[in-house]
C-alpha cells in the first residue's frame, strides 16, 4: 500500500542505496553496495566547482568478498564522487574488515574499526545494509542447495555436506537439529529410519 498523498512540497535531495549479492565461480561470495547523494538544484563545491542538478555529491562503492561462514576475505572500496579531494584517503582503512565475520554486532564492530576519523561516514553507513544483504544472499541460497541435494537422494554423489554442520553446538552432527532436518548427516544415537528426509517446513535458522 503506497503512502498517502503528500502536502504540497518541493523535491530537494535523493539518497539511493543499491546492494547486490553474487555467487562467484570459486565458491566465494561478492556483496556490493553503492551509495549516491544527489541534489535537485545547482550549487558550488570548492573542490569540484559548479555542481549541476543531478550530479552526485557522493558516489561511493564497496565490495566485500566473504566465504560460507560470513568471514570477510577481501575488501574493495572506491569513491567516484566526494565533496572533498581528500575523502578517498580513507579507503585503504577498509582493509581492516578482512578477517571479520558478518554476524550479530556487525555494525558495532564496523564502527570500532572505521568510526570517526578512521573511515568515511557514508561507506560506514553503507556497510550496515551490505551486511544484511550478505545474510540474505548466502543463507537462503545454501538452504536451497541443501534441499535440492536432499531431493536428489542421499546416494546421489553430488550431495554435499551442508556447511552448517558442526559450526556450533546446535548444529553438531550428533544433535537433534541435524537428526531432524538433515538425517542423512546425523551421527548421534538413535539414527532416523532409513529414507527419512528433511521436514517440509523451514528447516534452518531465520534469514535475520
Protein backbone atom coordinates (compact mmCIF):
# COMPACT_ATOMS: atom_id res chain seq x y z
CA UNK A 1 0.00 0.00 0.00
CA UNK A 2 1.58 3.32 -1.03
CA UNK A 3 1.89 6.35 1.20
CA UNK A 4 -0.98 8.80 1.27
CA UNK A 5 -0.90 11.86 -0.98
CA UNK A 6 1.63 14.33 0.47
CA UNK A 7 1.20 18.00 1.24
CA UNK A 8 2.45 20.38 -1.48
CA UNK A 9 6.24 20.14 -1.50
CA UNK A 10 9.47 20.52 -3.47
CA UNK A 11 11.93 17.69 -4.07
CA UNK A 12 15.38 18.67 -2.72
CA UNK A 13 17.56 15.60 -2.13
CA UNK A 14 17.77 11.92 -3.08
CA UNK A 15 19.91 9.25 -1.49
CA UNK A 16 20.00 5.92 -3.28
CA UNK A 17 21.48 2.73 -1.88
CA UNK A 18 21.82 -0.36 -4.04
CA UNK A 19 23.14 -3.63 -2.59
CA UNK A 20 23.60 -6.86 -4.51
CA UNK A 21 24.92 -10.33 -3.72
CA UNK A 22 26.74 -12.63 -6.12
CA UNK A 23 28.00 -16.23 -6.00
CA UNK A 24 31.46 -16.41 -7.54
CA UNK A 25 32.74 -19.28 -9.63
CA UNK A 26 35.38 -20.02 -6.97
CA UNK A 27 32.67 -20.62 -4.34
CA UNK A 28 33.12 -17.31 -2.51
CA UNK A 29 30.54 -14.53 -2.45
CA UNK A 30 30.71 -10.88 -3.51
CA UNK A 31 28.36 -8.44 -1.82
CA UNK A 32 28.45 -4.94 -3.29
CA UNK A 33 26.99 -1.68 -2.07
CA UNK A 34 26.62 1.61 -3.95
CA UNK A 35 25.51 4.90 -2.39
CA UNK A 36 24.75 8.22 -4.09
CA UNK A 37 23.53 11.60 -2.83
CA UNK A 38 22.02 13.98 -5.37
CA UNK A 39 20.58 17.49 -5.13
CA UNK A 40 17.85 18.86 -7.36
CA UNK A 41 19.45 22.31 -7.50
CA UNK A 42 22.81 23.68 -8.68
CA UNK A 43 25.44 24.69 -6.15
CA UNK A 44 29.18 25.39 -5.88
CA UNK A 45 31.70 22.98 -4.41
CA UNK A 46 35.14 24.38 -3.54
CA UNK A 47 36.91 21.35 -4.99
CA UNK A 48 34.68 20.29 -7.88
CA UNK A 49 33.32 23.70 -8.84
CA UNK A 50 29.83 24.02 -10.31
CA UNK A 51 27.56 21.12 -9.38
CA UNK A 52 24.62 20.79 -11.70
CA UNK A 53 21.29 19.36 -10.53
CA UNK A 54 21.51 15.58 -10.51
CA UNK A 55 25.32 15.43 -10.20
CA UNK A 56 26.14 13.13 -7.25
CA UNK A 57 27.99 14.82 -4.43
CA UNK A 58 28.57 11.34 -3.00
CA UNK A 59 29.10 8.39 -5.34
CA UNK A 60 30.77 5.51 -3.48
CA UNK A 61 31.12 1.76 -3.80
CA UNK A 62 32.22 -1.08 -1.57
CA UNK A 63 32.64 -4.80 -2.24
CA UNK A 64 33.04 -7.47 0.42
CA UNK A 65 34.17 -10.92 -0.63
CA UNK A 66 33.05 -13.44 2.01
CA UNK A 67 33.01 -17.20 2.48
CA UNK A 68 30.19 -19.53 3.56
CA UNK A 69 30.91 -18.73 7.20
CA UNK A 70 30.47 -14.98 6.50
CA UNK A 71 34.14 -14.23 7.11
CA UNK A 72 35.37 -11.27 5.05
CA UNK A 73 38.14 -12.48 2.76
CA UNK A 74 38.71 -9.30 0.70
CA UNK A 75 37.52 -5.69 0.56
CA UNK A 76 37.47 -3.09 -2.20
CA UNK A 77 36.25 0.49 -1.67
CA UNK A 78 36.14 3.26 -4.25
CA UNK A 79 34.88 6.84 -4.41
CA UNK A 80 33.77 8.24 -7.77
CA UNK A 81 32.25 11.35 -6.24
CA UNK A 82 33.17 13.10 -2.99
CA UNK A 83 32.70 16.61 -1.54
CA UNK A 84 36.41 16.94 -0.67
CA UNK A 85 39.50 15.90 -2.58
CA UNK A 86 40.99 14.08 0.39
CA UNK A 87 38.00 11.81 1.09
CA UNK A 88 39.40 8.88 -0.87
CA UNK A 89 42.32 8.75 1.54
CA UNK A 90 40.07 6.77 3.89
CA UNK A 91 39.53 3.84 1.52
CA UNK A 92 42.68 1.86 2.46
CA UNK A 93 41.45 1.68 6.06
CA UNK A 94 38.52 -0.51 4.98
CA UNK A 95 41.02 -3.36 4.62
CA UNK A 96 40.66 -3.62 8.41
CA UNK A 97 37.47 -5.58 7.74
CA UNK A 98 39.41 -8.53 6.30
CA UNK A 99 39.09 -11.44 8.71
CA UNK A 100 35.99 -10.05 10.42
CA UNK A 101 32.75 -12.07 10.45
CA UNK A 102 29.35 -10.71 9.46
CA UNK A 103 27.23 -11.70 12.46
CA UNK A 104 25.46 -10.17 15.43
CA UNK A 105 27.27 -6.97 16.40
CA UNK A 106 28.49 -6.35 12.83
CA UNK A 107 27.57 -2.66 12.85
CA UNK A 108 29.22 -2.13 16.22
CA UNK A 109 32.41 -3.82 15.02
CA UNK A 110 32.45 -1.71 11.85
CA UNK A 111 32.20 1.44 13.95
CA UNK A 112 35.01 0.23 16.21
CA UNK A 113 37.31 -0.30 13.25
CA UNK A 114 36.24 2.56 10.98
CA UNK A 115 34.30 5.07 13.03
CA UNK A 116 35.26 8.73 13.38
CA UNK A 117 38.44 9.86 11.62
CA UNK A 118 39.37 6.26 10.72
CA UNK A 119 36.85 5.91 7.90
CA UNK A 120 34.16 7.51 5.77
CA UNK A 121 30.72 8.17 7.28
CA UNK A 122 28.92 7.19 4.09
CA UNK A 123 30.77 3.92 3.49
CA UNK A 124 30.40 3.01 7.17
CA UNK A 125 26.64 3.57 6.87
CA UNK A 126 26.59 1.51 3.67
CA UNK A 127 28.20 -1.46 5.41
CA UNK A 128 25.06 -1.97 7.51
CA UNK A 129 22.76 -2.93 4.59
CA UNK A 130 25.68 -4.69 2.89
CA UNK A 131 25.93 -6.96 5.93
CA UNK A 132 22.20 -7.67 5.85
CA UNK A 133 22.32 -8.42 2.13
CA UNK A 134 25.20 -10.84 2.71
CA UNK A 135 22.99 -12.83 5.10
CA UNK A 136 20.01 -12.67 2.75
CA UNK A 137 22.15 -13.74 -0.20
CA UNK A 138 24.06 -16.63 1.32
CA UNK A 139 21.77 -18.33 3.85
CA UNK A 140 18.69 -18.85 1.66
CA UNK A 141 20.76 -20.00 -1.31
CA UNK A 142 22.69 -22.54 0.73
CA UNK A 143 19.40 -23.85 2.12
CA UNK A 144 18.12 -24.09 -1.44
CA UNK A 145 21.18 -26.12 -2.47
CA UNK A 146 20.76 -28.45 0.50
CA UNK A 147 17.09 -29.05 -0.30
CA UNK A 148 18.00 -29.74 -3.91
CA UNK A 149 20.59 -32.26 -2.73
CA UNK A 150 18.14 -33.93 -0.39
CA UNK A 151 15.59 -34.18 -3.17
CA UNK A 152 18.22 -35.96 -5.27
CA UNK A 153 18.62 -38.66 -2.59
CA UNK A 154 21.41 -39.41 -0.14
CA UNK A 155 23.07 -41.87 -2.50
CA UNK A 156 23.49 -39.20 -5.15
CA UNK A 157 27.25 -38.44 -5.43
CA UNK A 158 26.50 -34.74 -5.89
CA UNK A 159 25.11 -34.43 -2.34
CA UNK A 160 27.39 -32.14 -0.34
CA UNK A 161 27.77 -31.94 3.43
CA UNK A 162 25.82 -28.81 4.49
CA UNK A 163 28.06 -26.04 5.73
CA UNK A 164 26.14 -25.55 8.99
CA UNK A 165 27.03 -28.97 10.41
CA UNK A 166 29.46 -28.79 13.36
CA UNK A 167 29.69 -25.00 13.19
CA UNK A 168 28.08 -24.72 16.64
CA UNK A 169 26.56 -26.90 19.40
CA UNK A 170 23.06 -26.74 17.94
CA UNK A 171 24.27 -27.88 14.53
CA UNK A 172 26.51 -30.69 15.84
CA UNK A 173 26.12 -33.80 13.70
CA UNK A 174 25.27 -35.64 16.93
CA UNK A 175 22.40 -33.37 17.99
CA UNK A 176 18.66 -33.33 17.36
CA UNK A 177 18.65 -30.42 14.90
CA UNK A 178 20.69 -32.39 12.37
CA UNK A 179 18.82 -35.62 13.17
CA UNK A 180 15.51 -33.93 12.38
CA UNK A 181 16.34 -31.74 9.41
CA UNK A 182 19.39 -33.40 7.81
CA UNK A 183 19.02 -37.05 8.86
CA UNK A 184 21.47 -38.39 6.28
CA UNK A 185 24.25 -36.43 8.01
CA UNK A 186 23.31 -37.40 11.60
CA UNK A 187 25.98 -39.33 13.54
CA UNK A 188 24.49 -39.48 17.05
CA UNK A 189 22.48 -42.15 18.86
CA UNK A 190 19.03 -43.32 17.70
CA UNK A 191 19.55 -42.71 13.98
CA UNK A 192 16.44 -41.87 11.96
CA UNK A 193 14.66 -44.50 9.94
CA UNK A 194 16.15 -45.24 6.51
CA UNK A 195 14.86 -42.92 3.85
CA UNK A 196 13.92 -40.16 6.27
CA UNK A 197 14.13 -36.68 4.77
CA UNK A 198 14.03 -33.12 5.99
CA UNK A 199 10.75 -31.68 7.21
CA UNK A 200 8.70 -29.82 4.64
CA UNK A 201 8.67 -26.70 6.77
CA UNK A 202 11.58 -24.27 7.08
CA UNK A 203 14.49 -26.41 8.31
CA UNK A 204 17.07 -23.83 9.30
CA UNK A 205 17.66 -20.59 11.18
CA UNK A 206 15.85 -17.46 10.09
CA UNK A 207 17.37 -15.18 7.46
CA UNK A 208 17.96 -12.49 10.12
